[in-house]
Amino acid sequence: MSTEVWVVIFMGLILKIPVIYIAAVVWYAIKAEPEPGVDPQEHPASPWRPWRRPDGPRPRRGGPHGSRDTASASRARRDRVAP
């Protein structure tokens, strides 16, 4: 058989296996019934909480060369060094 035929067989059959597996898992998840004895109203407090933006302003971040305070302090130190 030629190379093109093997490519068609590979694409047509072998690569369909993951697609069939995912379809079977989704079908099983849809058809599954809830566990008996577990009441969703019984456990209303969930540890999961949706993300919220923090309150208040964000702290200032220094840039790649530091903040203005560190730049002026290093310049002042450099001026005091003997010539």
N, C-alpha and C. Protein backbone atom coordinates (compact mmCIF):
# COMPACT_ATOMS: atom_id res chain seq x y z
N MET A 1 0.84 -1.18 0.00
CA MET A 1 0.00 0.00 0.00
C MET A 1 0.88 1.24 0.00
N SER A 2 0.35 2.29 -0.59
CA SER A 2 1.12 3.52 -0.67
C SER A 2 1.01 4.31 0.64
N THR A 3 1.84 5.32 0.75
CA THR A 3 1.87 6.14 1.95
C THR A 3 0.56 6.89 2.14
N GLU A 4 -0.03 7.35 1.07
CA GLU A 4 -1.28 8.10 1.18
C GLU A 4 -2.40 7.26 1.76
N VAL A 5 -2.44 5.98 1.42
CA VAL A 5 -3.48 5.10 1.94
C VAL A 5 -3.31 4.93 3.45
N TRP A 6 -2.06 4.77 3.90
CA TRP A 6 -1.83 4.63 5.34
C TRP A 6 -2.18 5.91 6.09
N VAL A 7 -1.94 7.04 5.46
CA VAL A 7 -2.31 8.31 6.10
C VAL A 7 -3.83 8.40 6.24
N VAL A 8 -4.55 8.00 5.22
CA VAL A 8 -6.02 8.04 5.28
C VAL A 8 -6.53 7.08 6.35
N ILE A 9 -5.96 5.89 6.42
CA ILE A 9 -6.37 4.92 7.45
C ILE A 9 -6.08 5.48 8.84
N PHE A 10 -4.90 6.05 9.01
CA PHE A 10 -4.54 6.61 10.31
C PHE A 10 -5.48 7.74 10.70
N MET A 11 -5.70 8.67 9.79
CA MET A 11 -6.59 9.80 10.09
C MET A 11 -8.03 9.35 10.28
N GLY A 12 -8.46 8.38 9.52
CA GLY A 12 -9.85 7.97 9.58
C GLY A 12 -10.19 7.08 10.75
N LEU A 13 -9.26 6.28 11.21
CA LEU A 13 -9.57 5.32 12.27
C LEU A 13 -8.87 5.63 13.60
N ILE A 14 -7.57 5.73 13.57
CA ILE A 14 -6.81 5.84 14.80
C ILE A 14 -7.10 7.15 15.53
N LEU A 15 -7.20 8.26 14.83
CA LEU A 15 -7.43 9.54 15.49
C LEU A 15 -8.88 9.71 15.95
N LYS A 16 -9.75 8.82 15.59
CA LYS A 16 -11.13 8.90 16.05
C LYS A 16 -11.31 8.30 17.44
N ILE A 17 -10.35 7.51 17.90
CA ILE A 17 -10.46 6.87 19.21
C ILE A 17 -10.60 7.89 20.33
N PRO A 18 -9.77 8.96 20.41
CA PRO A 18 -9.97 9.95 21.48
C PRO A 18 -11.33 10.65 21.39
N VAL A 19 -11.81 10.89 20.18
CA VAL A 19 -13.10 11.55 20.01
C VAL A 19 -14.23 10.66 20.53
N ILE A 20 -14.15 9.38 20.23
CA ILE A 20 -15.17 8.44 20.72
C ILE A 20 -15.11 8.33 22.24
N TYR A 21 -13.89 8.32 22.80
CA TYR A 21 -13.74 8.24 24.25
C TYR A 21 -14.36 9.47 24.93
N ILE A 22 -14.09 10.65 24.42
CA ILE A 22 -14.66 11.87 25.02
C ILE A 22 -16.17 11.87 24.90
N ALA A 23 -16.69 11.43 23.77
CA ALA A 23 -18.15 11.37 23.60
C ALA A 23 -18.76 10.40 24.60
N ALA A 24 -18.09 9.25 24.84
CA ALA A 24 -18.61 8.28 25.81
C ALA A 24 -18.58 8.84 27.23
N VAL A 25 -17.53 9.56 27.59
CA VAL A 25 -17.45 10.14 28.94
C VAL A 25 -18.53 11.18 29.14
N VAL A 26 -18.75 12.03 28.14
CA VAL A 26 -19.79 13.05 28.24
C VAL A 26 -21.16 12.40 28.32
N TRP A 27 -21.41 11.38 27.52
CA TRP A 27 -22.70 10.69 27.56
C TRP A 27 -22.92 10.06 28.93
N TYR A 28 -21.88 9.43 29.48
CA TYR A 28 -22.01 8.80 30.80
C TYR A 28 -22.27 9.85 31.87
N ALA A 29 -21.62 11.02 31.78
CA ALA A 29 -21.81 12.07 32.77
C ALA A 29 -23.22 12.64 32.71
N ILE A 30 -23.77 12.72 31.51
CA ILE A 30 -25.13 13.25 31.37
C ILE A 30 -26.14 12.25 31.91
N LYS A 31 -25.94 10.96 31.65
CA LYS A 31 -26.89 9.94 32.06
C LYS A 31 -26.74 9.53 33.52
N ALA A 32 -25.63 9.88 34.17
CA ALA A 32 -25.41 9.46 35.55
C ALA A 32 -26.44 10.10 36.47
N GLU A 33 -26.87 9.33 37.45
CA GLU A 33 -27.81 9.83 38.44
C GLU A 33 -27.03 10.31 39.66
N PRO A 34 -27.60 11.24 40.42
CA PRO A 34 -26.91 11.71 41.62
C PRO A 34 -26.75 10.58 42.64
N GLU A 35 -25.73 10.70 43.48
CA GLU A 35 -25.50 9.68 44.50
C GLU A 35 -26.66 9.69 45.49
N PRO A 36 -27.15 8.52 45.86
CA PRO A 36 -28.23 8.49 46.85
C PRO A 36 -27.69 8.87 48.23
N GLY A 37 -28.50 9.61 48.97
CA GLY A 37 -28.12 10.00 50.32
C GLY A 37 -27.37 11.32 50.40
N VAL A 38 -27.05 11.91 49.29
CA VAL A 38 -26.36 13.20 49.29
C VAL A 38 -27.37 14.27 48.92
N ASP A 39 -27.65 15.14 49.89
CA ASP A 39 -28.62 16.22 49.66
C ASP A 39 -27.86 17.51 49.39
N PRO A 40 -28.04 18.13 48.23
CA PRO A 40 -27.32 19.36 47.94
C PRO A 40 -27.68 20.50 48.89
N GLN A 41 -28.89 20.47 49.47
CA GLN A 41 -29.29 21.51 50.42
C GLN A 41 -28.64 21.30 51.79
N GLU A 42 -28.12 20.10 52.00
CA GLU A 42 -27.53 19.77 53.30
C GLU A 42 -26.19 20.47 53.51
N HIS A 43 -25.45 20.68 52.46
CA HIS A 43 -24.12 21.29 52.56
C HIS A 43 -24.08 22.61 51.78
N PRO A 44 -24.75 23.66 52.28
CA PRO A 44 -24.77 24.91 51.53
C PRO A 44 -23.44 25.66 51.60
N ALA A 45 -22.68 25.46 52.68
CA ALA A 45 -21.41 26.18 52.83
C ALA A 45 -20.33 25.45 52.05
N SER A 46 -19.94 26.04 50.97
CA SER A 46 -18.92 25.45 50.13
C SER A 46 -17.61 26.21 50.33
N PRO A 47 -16.48 25.53 50.31
CA PRO A 47 -15.21 26.25 50.46
C PRO A 47 -14.87 27.09 49.23
N TRP A 48 -15.54 26.84 48.12
CA TRP A 48 -15.28 27.59 46.90
C TRP A 48 -16.02 28.92 46.95
N ARG A 49 -15.33 29.98 46.60
CA ARG A 49 -15.96 31.30 46.49
C ARG A 49 -15.52 31.92 45.18
N PRO A 50 -16.38 32.64 44.52
CA PRO A 50 -15.95 33.29 43.27
C PRO A 50 -14.92 34.36 43.56
N TRP A 51 -14.05 34.61 42.58
CA TRP A 51 -13.00 35.59 42.74
C TRP A 51 -13.60 36.98 42.77
N ARG A 52 -13.08 37.81 43.69
CA ARG A 52 -13.52 39.20 43.77
C ARG A 52 -12.30 40.10 43.68
N ARG A 53 -12.51 41.27 43.11
CA ARG A 53 -11.43 42.25 43.05
C ARG A 53 -11.17 42.77 44.47
N PRO A 54 -9.91 42.86 44.90
CA PRO A 54 -9.63 43.33 46.25
C PRO A 54 -10.09 44.77 46.45
N ASP A 55 -10.49 45.07 47.67
CA ASP A 55 -10.95 46.42 48.00
C ASP A 55 -9.76 47.34 48.17
N GLY A 56 -9.94 48.60 47.87
CA GLY A 56 -8.90 49.59 48.08
C GLY A 56 -7.94 49.68 46.90
N PRO A 57 -7.07 50.68 46.97
CA PRO A 57 -6.13 50.85 45.86
C PRO A 57 -5.02 49.81 45.90
N ARG A 58 -4.43 49.57 44.76
CA ARG A 58 -3.33 48.62 44.67
C ARG A 58 -2.06 49.29 45.16
N PRO A 59 -1.16 48.55 45.76
CA PRO A 59 0.11 49.16 46.19
C PRO A 59 0.97 49.52 44.98
N ARG A 60 1.81 50.52 45.14
CA ARG A 60 2.67 50.94 44.03
C ARG A 60 3.74 49.89 43.81
N ARG A 61 4.04 49.68 42.57
CA ARG A 61 5.08 48.73 42.21
C ARG A 61 6.27 49.50 41.67
N GLY A 62 7.43 49.06 42.03
CA GLY A 62 8.63 49.68 41.49
C GLY A 62 8.87 49.21 40.07
N GLY A 63 9.42 50.08 39.26
CA GLY A 63 9.72 49.71 37.88
C GLY A 63 11.01 48.92 37.80
N PRO A 64 11.53 48.71 36.61
CA PRO A 64 12.74 47.92 36.46
C PRO A 64 13.96 48.61 37.05
N HIS A 65 13.90 49.94 37.26
CA HIS A 65 15.03 50.67 37.80
C HIS A 65 14.77 51.11 39.23
N GLY A 66 13.77 50.57 39.88
CA GLY A 66 13.46 50.94 41.26
C GLY A 66 12.52 52.13 41.30
N SER A 67 12.14 52.51 42.50
CA SER A 67 11.25 53.64 42.65
C SER A 67 12.06 54.93 42.70
N ARG A 68 11.38 56.05 42.73
CA ARG A 68 12.07 57.35 42.77
C ARG A 68 12.86 57.50 44.07
N ASP A 69 12.33 56.96 45.16
CA ASP A 69 13.02 57.08 46.45
C ASP A 69 14.36 56.35 46.41
N THR A 70 14.40 55.15 45.86
CA THR A 70 15.66 54.41 45.84
C THR A 70 16.64 55.04 44.87
N ALA A 71 16.17 55.64 43.78
CA ALA A 71 17.06 56.27 42.83
C ALA A 71 17.70 57.51 43.44
N SER A 72 16.93 58.33 44.16
CA SER A 72 17.50 59.53 44.76
C SER A 72 18.44 59.17 45.91
N ALA A 73 18.14 58.11 46.65
CA ALA A 73 19.01 57.70 47.75
C ALA A 73 20.33 57.18 47.22
N SER A 74 20.33 56.42 46.14
CA SER A 74 21.58 55.91 45.60
C SER A 74 22.41 57.05 45.00
N ARG A 75 21.76 58.06 44.41
CA ARG A 75 22.47 59.20 43.85
C ARG A 75 23.11 60.01 44.98
N ALA A 76 22.39 60.15 46.09
CA ALA A 76 22.93 60.89 47.23
C ALA A 76 24.13 60.16 47.81
N ARG A 77 24.09 58.87 47.90
CA ARG A 77 25.22 58.10 48.42
C ARG A 77 26.41 58.22 47.49
N ARG A 78 26.18 58.22 46.20
CA ARG A 78 27.25 58.30 45.24
C ARG A 78 27.95 59.66 45.31
N ASP A 79 27.19 60.71 45.62
CA ASP A 79 27.79 62.05 45.70
C ASP A 79 28.72 62.17 46.90
N ARG A 80 28.45 61.42 47.96
CA ARG A 80 29.26 61.52 49.17
C ARG A 80 30.58 60.75 49.07
N VAL A 81 30.75 59.93 48.07
CA VAL A 81 31.96 59.14 47.94
C VAL A 81 33.12 60.06 47.56
N ALA A 82 34.29 59.78 48.10
CA ALA A 82 35.46 60.62 47.81
C ALA A 82 35.83 60.53 46.33
N PRO A 83 36.37 61.62 45.75
CA PRO A 83 36.68 61.62 44.32
C PRO A 83 37.77 60.70 43.92
